[in-house]
Amino acid sequence: QVQLVESGGGLVQPGGSLRLSCTTSRSIFSFKHMAWYRQAPGNQRELVAKTISRGTAHYQESVKGRFTIYRDYQKNTIYLQMNNLTPEDTAVYYCNAEKDSQHFWGPGTQVTDSA
């Protein structure tokens, strides 16, 4: 069973920054893709950023230039660096890992813009 645990969420002022972390119970080499999703109240869960291959990632249009997804293979951790946060970024953020067509999810971490 794969376990994912997110951390790093919190309350931030507009224009501020946060870094989310997601640590996995397996080597991140074993996953085809890893990603961050988010879900705001009343909205569907949406893709924020996804690793495509080493050094390549896909981003939702609204976060391009502000968010960066990256991996630390030694720590089995992926990160989401979020800069210049806005009220529209307020949501629960979920870590996702894909292996053999299965998707695994963390419990989520809340990010709130204080505006």
PDB file of N, CA and C in Angstrom:
ATOM      1  N   GLN A   1       0.841  -1.190   0.000  1.00  0.00           N
ATOM      2  CA  GLN A   1       0.000   0.000   0.000  1.00  0.00           C
ATOM      3  C   GLN A   1       0.883   1.249   0.000  1.00  0.00           C
ATOM      4  N   VAL A   2       0.533   2.185  -0.854  1.00  0.00           N
ATOM      5  CA  VAL A   2       1.285   3.431  -0.955  1.00  0.00           C
ATOM      6  C   VAL A   2       0.670   4.461  -0.036  1.00  0.00           C
ATOM      7  N   GLN A   3       1.497   5.128   0.726  1.00  0.00           N
ATOM      8  CA  GLN A   3       1.027   6.220   1.586  1.00  0.00           C
ATOM      9  C   GLN A   3       1.697   7.519   1.184  1.00  0.00           C
ATOM     10  N   LEU A   4       0.888   8.553   1.129  1.00  0.00           N
ATOM     11  CA  LEU A   4       1.375   9.894   0.812  1.00  0.00           C
ATOM     12  C   LEU A   4       0.959  10.814   1.945  1.00  0.00           C
ATOM     13  N   VAL A   5       1.876  11.658   2.380  1.00  0.00           N
ATOM     14  CA  VAL A   5       1.570  12.582   3.470  1.00  0.00           C
ATOM     15  C   VAL A   5       2.013  13.976   3.068  1.00  0.00           C
ATOM     16  N   GLU A   6       1.035  14.900   3.016  1.00  0.00           N
ATOM     17  CA  GLU A   6       1.336  16.283   2.674  1.00  0.00           C
ATOM     18  C   GLU A   6       1.608  17.099   3.933  1.00  0.00           C
ATOM     19  N   SER A   7       2.355  18.174   3.751  1.00  0.00           N
ATOM     20  CA  SER A   7       2.569  19.138   4.830  1.00  0.00           C
ATOM     21  C   SER A   7       2.912  20.480   4.198  1.00  0.00           C
ATOM     22  N   GLY A   8       2.898  21.534   5.024  1.00  0.00           N
ATOM     23  CA  GLY A   8       3.318  22.837   4.558  1.00  0.00           C
ATOM     24  C   GLY A   8       2.213  23.829   4.289  1.00  0.00           C
ATOM     25  N   GLY A   9       0.967  23.387   4.399  1.00  0.00           N
ATOM     26  CA  GLY A   9      -0.133  24.318   4.190  1.00  0.00           C
ATOM     27  C   GLY A   9      -0.248  25.306   5.333  1.00  0.00           C
ATOM     28  N   GLY A  10      -1.115  26.310   5.140  1.00  0.00           N
ATOM     29  CA  GLY A  10      -1.331  27.290   6.192  1.00  0.00           C
ATOM     30  C   GLY A  10      -1.999  28.533   5.674  1.00  0.00           C
ATOM     31  N   LEU A  11      -1.946  29.561   6.501  1.00  0.00           N
ATOM     32  CA  LEU A  11      -2.545  30.856   6.183  1.00  0.00           C
ATOM     33  C   LEU A  11      -1.442  31.773   5.673  1.00  0.00           C
ATOM     34  N   VAL A  12      -1.728  32.448   4.569  1.00  0.00           N
ATOM     35  CA  VAL A  12      -0.713  33.305   3.974  1.00  0.00           C
ATOM     36  C   VAL A  12      -1.350  34.586   3.485  1.00  0.00           C
ATOM     37  N   GLN A  13      -0.625  35.661   3.515  1.00  0.00           N
ATOM     38  CA  GLN A  13      -1.125  36.945   3.026  1.00  0.00           C
ATOM     39  C   GLN A  13      -1.041  36.988   1.505  1.00  0.00           C
ATOM     40  N   PRO A  14      -1.866  37.788   0.862  1.00  0.00           N
ATOM     41  CA  PRO A  14      -1.792  37.920  -0.598  1.00  0.00           C
ATOM     42  C   PRO A  14      -0.386  38.299  -1.047  1.00  0.00           C
ATOM     43  N   GLY A  15       0.075  37.612  -2.071  1.00  0.00           N
ATOM     44  CA  GLY A  15       1.423  37.850  -2.556  1.00  0.00           C
ATOM     45  C   GLY A  15       2.485  37.054  -1.840  1.00  0.00           C
ATOM     46  N   GLY A  16       2.066  36.297  -0.829  1.00  0.00           N
ATOM     47  CA  GLY A  16       3.020  35.518  -0.058  1.00  0.00           C
ATOM     48  C   GLY A  16       3.369  34.202  -0.724  1.00  0.00           C
ATOM     49  N   SER A  17       4.188  33.422  -0.033  1.00  0.00           N
ATOM     50  CA  SER A  17       4.671  32.148  -0.572  1.00  0.00           C
ATOM     51  C   SER A  17       4.495  31.039   0.447  1.00  0.00           C
ATOM     52  N   LEU A  18       4.329  29.824  -0.074  1.00  0.00           N
ATOM     53  CA  LEU A  18       4.325  28.618   0.737  1.00  0.00           C
ATOM     54  C   LEU A  18       5.001  27.518  -0.058  1.00  0.00           C
ATOM     55  N   ARG A  19       5.566  26.560   0.655  1.00  0.00           N
ATOM     56  CA  ARG A  19       6.085  25.369   0.000  1.00  0.00           C
ATOM     57  C   ARG A  19       5.405  24.140   0.599  1.00  0.00           C
ATOM     58  N   LEU A  20       4.712  23.413  -0.245  1.00  0.00           N
ATOM     59  CA  LEU A  20       4.070  22.170   0.177  1.00  0.00           C
ATOM     60  C   LEU A  20       5.029  21.002  -0.052  1.00  0.00           C
ATOM     61  N   SER A  21       4.936  20.031   0.840  1.00  0.00           N
ATOM     62  CA  SER A  21       5.752  18.814   0.715  1.00  0.00           C
ATOM     63  C   SER A  21       4.850  17.602   0.717  1.00  0.00           C
ATOM     64  N   CYS A  22       5.264  16.579   0.004  1.00  0.00           N
ATOM     65  CA  CYS A  22       4.551  15.301  -0.015  1.00  0.00           C
ATOM     66  C   CYS A  22       5.590  14.189   0.061  1.00  0.00           C
ATOM     67  N   THR A  23       5.563  13.471   1.154  1.00  0.00           N
ATOM     68  CA  THR A  23       6.510  12.373   1.347  1.00  0.00           C
ATOM     69  C   THR A  23       5.794  11.048   1.111  1.00  0.00           C
ATOM     70  N   THR A  24       6.452  10.150   0.385  1.00  0.00           N
ATOM     71  CA  THR A  24       5.833   8.879   0.016  1.00  0.00           C
ATOM     72  C   THR A  24       6.456   7.725   0.796  1.00  0.00           C
ATOM     73  N   SER A  25       5.688   6.636   0.878  1.00  0.00           N
ATOM     74  CA  SER A  25       6.171   5.450   1.594  1.00  0.00           C
ATOM     75  C   SER A  25       7.020   4.560   0.685  1.00  0.00           C
ATOM     76  N   ARG A  26       7.077   4.913  -0.609  1.00  0.00           N
ATOM     77  CA  ARG A  26       7.917   4.166  -1.545  1.00  0.00           C
ATOM     78  C   ARG A  26       8.840   5.129  -2.265  1.00  0.00           C
ATOM     79  N   SER A  27       9.853   4.578  -2.887  1.00  0.00           N
ATOM     80  CA  SER A  27      10.729   5.399  -3.694  1.00  0.00           C
ATOM     81  C   SER A  27       9.930   6.075  -4.795  1.00  0.00           C
ATOM     82  N   ILE A  28      10.169   7.375  -4.979  1.00  0.00           N
ATOM     83  CA  ILE A  28       9.419   8.079  -6.020  1.00  0.00           C
ATOM     84  C   ILE A  28       9.872   7.659  -7.412  1.00  0.00           C
ATOM     85  N   PHE A  29      10.962   6.911  -7.505  1.00  0.00           N
ATOM     86  CA  PHE A  29      11.344   6.330  -8.787  1.00  0.00           C
ATOM     87  C   PHE A  29      10.276   5.346  -9.274  1.00  0.00           C
ATOM     88  N   SER A  30       9.502   4.768  -8.367  1.00  0.00           N
ATOM     89  CA  SER A  30       8.532   3.737  -8.731  1.00  0.00           C
ATOM     90  C   SER A  30       7.258   4.291  -9.345  1.00  0.00           C
ATOM     91  N   PHE A  31       7.080   5.606  -9.318  1.00  0.00           N
ATOM     92  CA  PHE A  31       5.850   6.211  -9.823  1.00  0.00           C
ATOM     93  C   PHE A  31       6.051   6.748 -11.236  1.00  0.00           C
ATOM     94  N   LYS A  32       5.032   6.532 -12.066  1.00  0.00           N
ATOM     95  CA  LYS A  32       5.081   7.045 -13.428  1.00  0.00           C
ATOM     96  C   LYS A  32       4.980   8.567 -13.415  1.00  0.00           C
ATOM     97  N   HIS A  33       4.003   9.083 -12.666  1.00  0.00           N
ATOM     98  CA  HIS A  33       3.819  10.522 -12.541  1.00  0.00           C
ATOM     99  C   HIS A  33       3.530  10.852 -11.090  1.00  0.00           C
ATOM    100  N   MET A  34       3.866  12.081 -10.714  1.00  0.00           N
ATOM    101  CA  MET A  34       3.423  12.620  -9.439  1.00  0.00           C
ATOM    102  C   MET A  34       2.854  14.006  -9.699  1.00  0.00           C
ATOM    103  N   ALA A  35       1.883  14.382  -8.879  1.00  0.00           N
ATOM    104  CA  ALA A  35       1.171  15.620  -9.175  1.00  0.00           C
ATOM    105  C   ALA A  35       0.609  16.244  -7.909  1.00  0.00           C
ATOM    106  N   TRP A  36       0.239  17.490  -8.052  1.00  0.00           N
ATOM    107  CA  TRP A  36      -0.522  18.221  -7.030  1.00  0.00           C
ATOM    108  C   TRP A  36      -1.865  18.625  -7.629  1.00  0.00           C
ATOM    109  N   TYR A  37      -2.917  18.351  -6.887  1.00  0.00           N
ATOM    110  CA  TYR A  37      -4.262  18.788  -7.227  1.00  0.00           C
ATOM    111  C   TYR A  37      -4.757  19.699  -6.110  1.00  0.00           C
ATOM    112  N   ARG A  38      -5.852  20.403  -6.381  1.00  0.00           N
ATOM    113  CA  ARG A  38      -6.476  21.206  -5.341  1.00  0.00           C
ATOM    114  C   ARG A  38      -7.980  21.205  -5.520  1.00  0.00           C
ATOM    115  N   GLN A  39      -8.655  21.450  -4.411  1.00  0.00           N
ATOM    116  CA  GLN A  39     -10.114  21.518  -4.434  1.00  0.00           C
ATOM    117  C   GLN A  39     -10.564  22.627  -3.517  1.00  0.00           C
ATOM    118  N   ALA A  40     -11.225  23.611  -4.114  1.00  0.00           N
ATOM    119  CA  ALA A  40     -11.802  24.719  -3.361  1.00  0.00           C
ATOM    120  C   ALA A  40     -13.248  24.378  -3.018  1.00  0.00           C
ATOM    121  N   PRO A  41     -13.806  24.988  -1.974  1.00  0.00           N
ATOM    122  CA  PRO A  41     -15.192  24.694  -1.593  1.00  0.00           C
ATOM    123  C   PRO A  41     -16.146  24.908  -2.758  1.00  0.00           C
ATOM    124  N   GLY A  42     -16.981  23.906  -3.008  1.00  0.00           N
ATOM    125  CA  GLY A  42     -17.965  24.002  -4.075  1.00  0.00           C
ATOM    126  C   GLY A  42     -17.426  23.708  -5.461  1.00  0.00           C
ATOM    127  N   ASN A  43     -16.139  23.447  -5.555  1.00  0.00           N
ATOM    128  CA  ASN A  43     -15.521  23.184  -6.861  1.00  0.00           C
ATOM    129  C   ASN A  43     -15.051  21.740  -6.959  1.00  0.00           C
ATOM    130  N   GLN A  44     -14.830  21.303  -8.185  1.00  0.00           N
ATOM    131  CA  GLN A  44     -14.262  19.988  -8.402  1.00  0.00           C
ATOM    132  C   GLN A  44     -12.748  20.024  -8.175  1.00  0.00           C
ATOM    133  N   ARG A  45     -12.186  18.866  -7.894  1.00  0.00           N
ATOM    134  CA  ARG A  45     -10.742  18.771  -7.743  1.00  0.00           C
ATOM    135  C   ARG A  45     -10.090  19.025  -9.106  1.00  0.00           C
ATOM    136  N   GLU A  46      -9.040  19.825  -9.114  1.00  0.00           N
ATOM    137  CA  GLU A  46      -8.397  20.179 -10.371  1.00  0.00           C
ATOM    138  C   GLU A  46      -6.888  19.987 -10.284  1.00  0.00           C
ATOM    139  N   LEU A  47      -6.301  19.680 -11.440  1.00  0.00           N
ATOM    140  CA  LEU A  47      -4.861  19.493 -11.524  1.00  0.00           C
ATOM    141  C   LEU A  47      -4.162  20.843 -11.426  1.00  0.00           C
ATOM    142  N   VAL A  48      -3.149  20.913 -10.586  1.00  0.00           N
ATOM    143  CA  VAL A  48      -2.347  22.131 -10.455  1.00  0.00           C
ATOM    144  C   VAL A  48      -1.021  21.972 -11.200  1.00  0.00           C
ATOM    145  N   ALA A  49      -0.310  20.883 -10.918  1.00  0.00           N
ATOM    146  CA  ALA A  49       0.993  20.654 -11.536  1.00  0.00           C
ATOM    147  C   ALA A  49       1.275  19.161 -11.540  1.00  0.00           C
ATOM    148  N   LYS A  50       1.982  18.725 -12.578  1.00  0.00           N
ATOM    149  CA  LYS A  50       2.241  17.294 -12.733  1.00  0.00           C
ATOM    150  C   LYS A  50       3.623  17.094 -13.331  1.00  0.00           C
ATOM    151  N   THR A  51       4.369  16.147 -12.773  1.00  0.00           N
ATOM    152  CA  THR A  51       5.663  15.827 -13.361  1.00  0.00           C
ATOM    153  C   THR A  51       5.447  14.924 -14.571  1.00  0.00           C
ATOM    154  N   ILE A  52       6.087  15.258 -15.672  1.00  0.00           N
ATOM    155  CA  ILE A  52       5.972  14.461 -16.887  1.00  0.00           C
ATOM    156  C   ILE A  52       7.165  13.531 -17.003  1.00  0.00           C
ATOM    157  N   SER A  53       8.323  14.073 -16.849  1.00  0.00           N
ATOM    158  CA  SER A  53       9.558  13.316 -16.845  1.00  0.00           C
ATOM    159  C   SER A  53      10.562  14.137 -16.053  1.00  0.00           C
ATOM    160  N   ARG A  54      11.757  13.579 -15.854  1.00  0.00           N
ATOM    161  CA  ARG A  54      12.728  14.323 -15.062  1.00  0.00           C
ATOM    162  C   ARG A  54      12.997  15.665 -15.727  1.00  0.00           C
ATOM    163  N   GLY A  55      12.718  16.734 -15.013  1.00  0.00           N
ATOM    164  CA  GLY A  55      12.972  18.066 -15.511  1.00  0.00           C
ATOM    165  C   GLY A  55      11.847  18.677 -16.322  1.00  0.00           C
ATOM    166  N   THR A  56      10.755  17.925 -16.522  1.00  0.00           N
ATOM    167  CA  THR A  56       9.625  18.437 -17.309  1.00  0.00           C
ATOM    168  C   THR A  56       8.356  18.328 -16.490  1.00  0.00           C
ATOM    169  N   ALA A  57       7.538  19.370 -16.570  1.00  0.00           N
ATOM    170  CA  ALA A  57       6.299  19.369 -15.811  1.00  0.00           C
ATOM    171  C   ALA A  57       5.209  20.099 -16.579  1.00  0.00           C
ATOM    172  N   HIS A  58       3.991  19.776 -16.220  1.00  0.00           N
ATOM    173  CA  HIS A  58       2.821  20.449 -16.793  1.00  0.00           C
ATOM    174  C   HIS A  58       2.148  21.256 -15.681  1.00  0.00           C
ATOM    175  N   TYR A  59       1.725  22.481 -16.009  1.00  0.00           N
ATOM    176  CA  TYR A  59       1.080  23.349 -15.036  1.00  0.00           C
ATOM    177  C   TYR A  59      -0.269  23.830 -15.542  1.00  0.00           C
ATOM    178  N   GLN A  60      -1.195  23.983 -14.602  1.00  0.00           N
ATOM    179  CA  GLN A  60      -2.442  24.662 -14.908  1.00  0.00           C
ATOM    180  C   GLN A  60      -2.100  26.093 -15.309  1.00  0.00           C
ATOM    181  N   GLU A  61      -2.863  26.611 -16.260  1.00  0.00           N
ATOM    182  CA  GLU A  61      -2.537  27.935 -16.810  1.00  0.00           C
ATOM    183  C   GLU A  61      -2.473  29.014 -15.736  1.00  0.00           C
ATOM    184  N   SER A  62      -3.357  28.946 -14.749  1.00  0.00           N
ATOM    185  CA  SER A  62      -3.454  30.016 -13.757  1.00  0.00           C
ATOM    186  C   SER A  62      -2.263  30.055 -12.796  1.00  0.00           C
ATOM    187  N   VAL A  63      -1.460  29.001 -12.755  1.00  0.00           N
ATOM    188  CA  VAL A  63      -0.334  28.984 -11.821  1.00  0.00           C
ATOM    189  C   VAL A  63       1.016  29.060 -12.519  1.00  0.00           C
ATOM    190  N   LYS A  64       1.003  29.064 -13.834  1.00  0.00           N
ATOM    191  CA  LYS A  64       2.271  29.128 -14.577  1.00  0.00           C
ATOM    192  C   LYS A  64       3.059  30.386 -14.205  1.00  0.00           C
ATOM    193  N   GLY A  65       4.333  30.205 -13.952  1.00  0.00           N
ATOM    194  CA  GLY A  65       5.187  31.319 -13.569  1.00  0.00           C
ATOM    195  C   GLY A  65       5.160  31.616 -12.090  1.00  0.00           C
ATOM    196  N   ARG A  66       4.214  31.022 -11.353  1.00  0.00           N
ATOM    197  CA  ARG A  66       4.119  31.263  -9.905  1.00  0.00           C
ATOM    198  C   ARG A  66       4.426  30.004  -9.091  1.00  0.00           C
ATOM    199  N   PHE A  67       4.032  28.853  -9.606  1.00  0.00           N
ATOM    200  CA  PHE A  67       4.209  27.587  -8.889  1.00  0.00           C
ATOM    201  C   PHE A  67       5.272  26.757  -9.589  1.00  0.00           C
ATOM    202  N   THR A  68       6.009  25.970  -8.783  1.00  0.00           N
ATOM    203  CA  THR A  68       7.011  25.052  -9.319  1.00  0.00           C
ATOM    204  C   THR A  68       6.910  23.721  -8.596  1.00  0.00           C
ATOM    205  N   ILE A  69       6.806  22.633  -9.373  1.00  0.00           N
ATOM    206  CA  ILE A  69       6.813  21.286  -8.800  1.00  0.00           C
ATOM    207  C   ILE A  69       8.194  20.691  -9.012  1.00  0.00           C
ATOM    208  N   TYR A  70       8.724  20.056  -7.965  1.00  0.00           N
ATOM    209  CA  TYR A  70      10.023  19.420  -8.114  1.00  0.00           C
ATOM    210  C   TYR A  70      10.159  18.269  -7.120  1.00  0.00           C
ATOM    211  N   ARG A  71      11.101  17.391  -7.371  1.00  0.00           N
ATOM    212  CA  ARG A  71      11.250  16.166  -6.593  1.00  0.00           C
ATOM    213  C   ARG A  71      12.618  16.086  -5.936  1.00  0.00           C
ATOM    214  N   ASP A  72      12.648  15.494  -4.760  1.00  0.00           N
ATOM    215  CA  ASP A  72      13.893  15.134  -4.090  1.00  0.00           C
ATOM    216  C   ASP A  72      13.902  13.614  -3.978  1.00  0.00           C
ATOM    217  N   TYR A  73      14.675  12.953  -4.839  1.00  0.00           N
ATOM    218  CA  TYR A  73      14.655  11.492  -4.889  1.00  0.00           C
ATOM    219  C   TYR A  73      15.229  10.875  -3.617  1.00  0.00           C
ATOM    220  N   GLN A  74      16.175  11.522  -3.019  1.00  0.00           N
ATOM    221  CA  GLN A  74      16.778  10.966  -1.803  1.00  0.00           C
ATOM    222  C   GLN A  74      15.794  10.979  -0.638  1.00  0.00           C
ATOM    223  N   LYS A  75      14.931  11.967  -0.610  1.00  0.00           N
ATOM    224  CA  LYS A  75      13.977  12.093   0.487  1.00  0.00           C
ATOM    225  C   LYS A  75      12.616  11.499   0.141  1.00  0.00           C
ATOM    226  N   ASN A  76      12.457  10.958  -1.073  1.00  0.00           N
ATOM    227  CA  ASN A  76      11.145  10.435  -1.523  1.00  0.00           C
ATOM    228  C   ASN A  76      10.051  11.479  -1.323  1.00  0.00           C
ATOM    229  N   THR A  77      10.348  12.687  -1.722  1.00  0.00           N
ATOM    230  CA  THR A  77       9.451  13.803  -1.474  1.00  0.00           C
ATOM    231  C   THR A  77       9.294  14.638  -2.743  1.00  0.00           C
ATOM    232  N   ILE A  78       8.069  15.075  -2.982  1.00  0.00           N
ATOM    233  CA  ILE A  78       7.853  16.085  -4.012  1.00  0.00           C
ATOM    234  C   ILE A  78       7.377  17.365  -3.335  1.00  0.00           C
ATOM    235  N   TYR A  79       7.651  18.460  -3.989  1.00  0.00           N
ATOM    236  CA  TYR A  79       7.338  19.762  -3.426  1.00  0.00           C
ATOM    237  C   TYR A  79       6.509  20.574  -4.424  1.00  0.00           C
ATOM    238  N   LEU A  80       5.788  21.529  -3.889  1.00  0.00           N
ATOM    239  CA  LEU A  80       5.121  22.529  -4.698  1.00  0.00           C
ATOM    240  C   LEU A  80       5.466  23.873  -4.095  1.00  0.00           C
ATOM    241  N   GLN A  81       6.352  24.593  -4.753  1.00  0.00           N
ATOM    242  CA  GLN A  81       6.686  25.944  -4.333  1.00  0.00           C
ATOM    243  C   GLN A  81       5.651  26.892  -4.930  1.00  0.00           C
ATOM    244  N   MET A  82       4.976  27.621  -4.076  1.00  0.00           N
ATOM    245  CA  MET A  82       3.911  28.514  -4.516  1.00  0.00           C
ATOM    246  C   MET A  82       4.279  29.944  -4.152  1.00  0.00           C
ATOM    247  N   ASN A  83       4.381  30.801  -5.145  1.00  0.00           N
ATOM    248  CA  ASN A  83       4.732  32.199  -4.945  1.00  0.00           C
ATOM    249  C   ASN A  83       3.600  33.104  -5.416  1.00  0.00           C
ATOM    250  N   ASN A  84       3.596  34.315  -4.909  1.00  0.00           N
ATOM    251  CA  ASN A  84       2.610  35.313  -5.320  1.00  0.00           C
ATOM    252  C   ASN A  84       1.186  34.762  -5.211  1.00  0.00           C
ATOM    253  N   LEU A  85       0.870  34.231  -4.061  1.00  0.00           N
ATOM    254  CA  LEU A  85      -0.435  33.596  -3.850  1.00  0.00           C
ATOM    255  C   LEU A  85      -1.559  34.625  -3.894  1.00  0.00           C
ATOM    256  N   THR A  86      -2.701  34.188  -4.387  1.00  0.00           N
ATOM    257  CA  THR A  86      -3.893  35.027  -4.479  1.00  0.00           C
ATOM    258  C   THR A  86      -5.053  34.322  -3.781  1.00  0.00           C
ATOM    259  N   PRO A  87      -6.148  35.038  -3.529  1.00  0.00           N
ATOM    260  CA  PRO A  87      -7.316  34.382  -2.904  1.00  0.00           C
ATOM    261  C   PRO A  87      -7.834  33.199  -3.719  1.00  0.00           C
ATOM    262  N   GLU A  88      -7.640  33.231  -5.034  1.00  0.00           N
ATOM    263  CA  GLU A  88      -8.110  32.127  -5.887  1.00  0.00           C
ATOM    264  C   GLU A  88      -7.307  30.844  -5.674  1.00  0.00           C
ATOM    265  N   ASP A  89      -6.183  30.937  -4.986  1.00  0.00           N
ATOM    266  CA  ASP A  89      -5.376  29.744  -4.695  1.00  0.00           C
ATOM    267  C   ASP A  89      -5.826  29.030  -3.418  1.00  0.00           C
ATOM    268  N   THR A  90      -6.761  29.630  -2.701  1.00  0.00           N
ATOM    269  CA  THR A  90      -7.258  29.009  -1.480  1.00  0.00           C
ATOM    270  C   THR A  90      -7.970  27.697  -1.803  1.00  0.00           C
ATOM    271  N   ALA A  91      -7.508  26.615  -1.187  1.00  0.00           N
ATOM    272  CA  ALA A  91      -8.064  25.293  -1.457  1.00  0.00           C
ATOM    273  C   ALA A  91      -7.368  24.275  -0.564  1.00  0.00           C
ATOM    274  N   VAL A  92      -7.897  23.062  -0.585  1.00  0.00           N
ATOM    275  CA  VAL A  92      -7.164  21.932  -0.028  1.00  0.00           C
ATOM    276  C   VAL A  92      -6.298  21.362  -1.150  1.00  0.00           C
ATOM    277  N   TYR A  93      -5.037  21.188  -0.882  1.00  0.00           N
ATOM    278  CA  TYR A  93      -4.096  20.694  -1.879  1.00  0.00           C
ATOM    279  C   TYR A  93      -3.779  19.230  -1.597  1.00  0.00           C
ATOM    280  N   TYR A  94      -3.848  18.411  -2.646  1.00  0.00           N
ATOM    281  CA  TYR A  94      -3.651  16.971  -2.522  1.00  0.00           C
ATOM    282  C   TYR A  94      -2.462  16.519  -3.368  1.00  0.00           C
ATOM    283  N   CYS A  95      -1.697  15.639  -2.801  1.00  0.00           N
ATOM    284  CA  CYS A  95      -0.610  14.987  -3.522  1.00  0.00           C
ATOM    285  C   CYS A  95      -1.167  13.738  -4.206  1.00  0.00           C
ATOM    286  N   ASN A  96      -0.691  13.470  -5.397  1.00  0.00           N
ATOM    287  CA  ASN A  96      -1.155  12.316  -6.173  1.00  0.00           C
ATOM    288  C   ASN A  96       0.049  11.599  -6.769  1.00  0.00           C
ATOM    289  N   ALA A  97      -0.007  10.269  -6.747  1.00  0.00           N
ATOM    290  CA  ALA A  97       1.045   9.460  -7.372  1.00  0.00           C
ATOM    291  C   ALA A  97       0.389   8.388  -8.235  1.00  0.00           C
ATOM    292  N   GLU A  98       0.936   8.184  -9.408  1.00  0.00           N
ATOM    293  CA  GLU A  98       0.387   7.201 -10.345  1.00  0.00           C
ATOM    294  C   GLU A  98       1.396   6.073 -10.557  1.00  0.00           C
ATOM    295  N   LYS A  99       0.899   4.835 -10.381  1.00  0.00           N
ATOM    296  CA  LYS A  99       1.742   3.655 -10.589  1.00  0.00           C
ATOM    297  C   LYS A  99       0.870   2.549 -11.146  1.00  0.00           C
ATOM    298  N   ASP A 100       1.276   1.974 -12.272  1.00  0.00           N
ATOM    299  CA  ASP A 100       0.543   0.858 -12.887  1.00  0.00           C
ATOM    300  C   ASP A 100      -0.934   1.179 -13.037  1.00  0.00           C
ATOM    301  N   SER A 101      -1.213   2.389 -13.528  1.00  0.00           N
ATOM    302  CA  SER A 101      -2.582   2.860 -13.772  1.00  0.00           C
ATOM    303  C   SER A 101      -3.395   3.051 -12.495  1.00  0.00           C
ATOM    304  N   GLN A 102      -2.781   2.916 -11.349  1.00  0.00           N
ATOM    305  CA  GLN A 102      -3.454   3.212 -10.087  1.00  0.00           C
ATOM    306  C   GLN A 102      -3.050   4.604  -9.600  1.00  0.00           C
ATOM    307  N   HIS A 103      -3.999   5.282  -8.980  1.00  0.00           N
ATOM    308  CA  HIS A 103      -3.730   6.598  -8.425  1.00  0.00           C
ATOM    309  C   HIS A 103      -3.830   6.530  -6.909  1.00  0.00           C
ATOM    310  N   PHE A 104      -2.862   7.140  -6.254  1.00  0.00           N
ATOM    311  CA  PHE A 104      -2.829   7.187  -4.803  1.00  0.00           C
ATOM    312  C   PHE A 104      -2.876   8.648  -4.368  1.00  0.00           C
ATOM    313  N   TRP A 105      -3.580   8.871  -3.247  1.00  0.00           N
ATOM    314  CA  TRP A 105      -3.804  10.242  -2.783  1.00  0.00           C
ATOM    315  C   TRP A 105      -3.384  10.411  -1.332  1.00  0.00           C
ATOM    316  N   GLY A 106      -2.905  11.612  -1.023  1.00  0.00           N
ATOM    317  CA  GLY A 106      -2.700  11.977   0.357  1.00  0.00           C
ATOM    318  C   GLY A 106      -3.983  12.549   0.938  1.00  0.00           C
ATOM    319  N   PRO A 107      -4.022  12.807   2.246  1.00  0.00           N
ATOM    320  CA  PRO A 107      -5.224  13.329   2.895  1.00  0.00           C
ATOM    321  C   PRO A 107      -5.461  14.803   2.611  1.00  0.00           C
ATOM    322  N   GLY A 108      -4.465  15.524   2.111  1.00  0.00           N
ATOM    323  CA  GLY A 108      -4.634  16.928   1.775  1.00  0.00           C
ATOM    324  C   GLY A 108      -4.100  17.868   2.841  1.00  0.00           C
ATOM    325  N   THR A 109      -3.780  19.087   2.390  1.00  0.00           N
ATOM    326  CA  THR A 109      -3.342  20.137   3.303  1.00  0.00           C
ATOM    327  C   THR A 109      -3.980  21.445   2.871  1.00  0.00           C
ATOM    328  N   GLN A 110      -4.474  22.205   3.828  1.00  0.00           N
ATOM    329  CA  GLN A 110      -5.234  23.427   3.542  1.00  0.00           C
ATOM    330  C   GLN A 110      -4.304  24.610   3.300  1.00  0.00           C
ATOM    331  N   VAL A 111      -4.566  25.321   2.230  1.00  0.00           N
ATOM    332  CA  VAL A 111      -3.879  26.581   1.937  1.00  0.00           C
ATOM    333  C   VAL A 111      -4.937  27.666   1.887  1.00  0.00           C
ATOM    334  N   THR A 112      -4.735  28.718   2.670  1.00  0.00           N
ATOM    335  CA  THR A 112      -5.712  29.798   2.741  1.00  0.00           C
ATOM    336  C   THR A 112      -5.020  31.131   2.558  1.00  0.00           C
ATOM    337  N   ASP A 113      -5.508  31.893   1.560  1.00  0.00           N
ATOM    338  CA  ASP A 113      -5.045  33.263   1.386  1.00  0.00           C
ATOM    339  C   ASP A 113      -5.884  34.140   2.296  1.00  0.00           C
ATOM    340  N   SER A 114      -5.253  34.942   3.078  1.00  0.00           N
ATOM    341  CA  SER A 114      -5.959  35.658   4.130  1.00  0.00           C
ATOM    342  C   SER A 114      -6.703  36.890   3.667  1.00  0.00           C
ATOM    343  N   ALA A 115      -6.735  37.183   2.380  1.00  0.00           N
ATOM    344  CA  ALA A 115      -7.422  38.374   1.875  1.00  0.00           C
ATOM    345  C   ALA A 115      -8.915  38.297   2.165  1.00  0.00           C
TER     346      ALA A 115
END
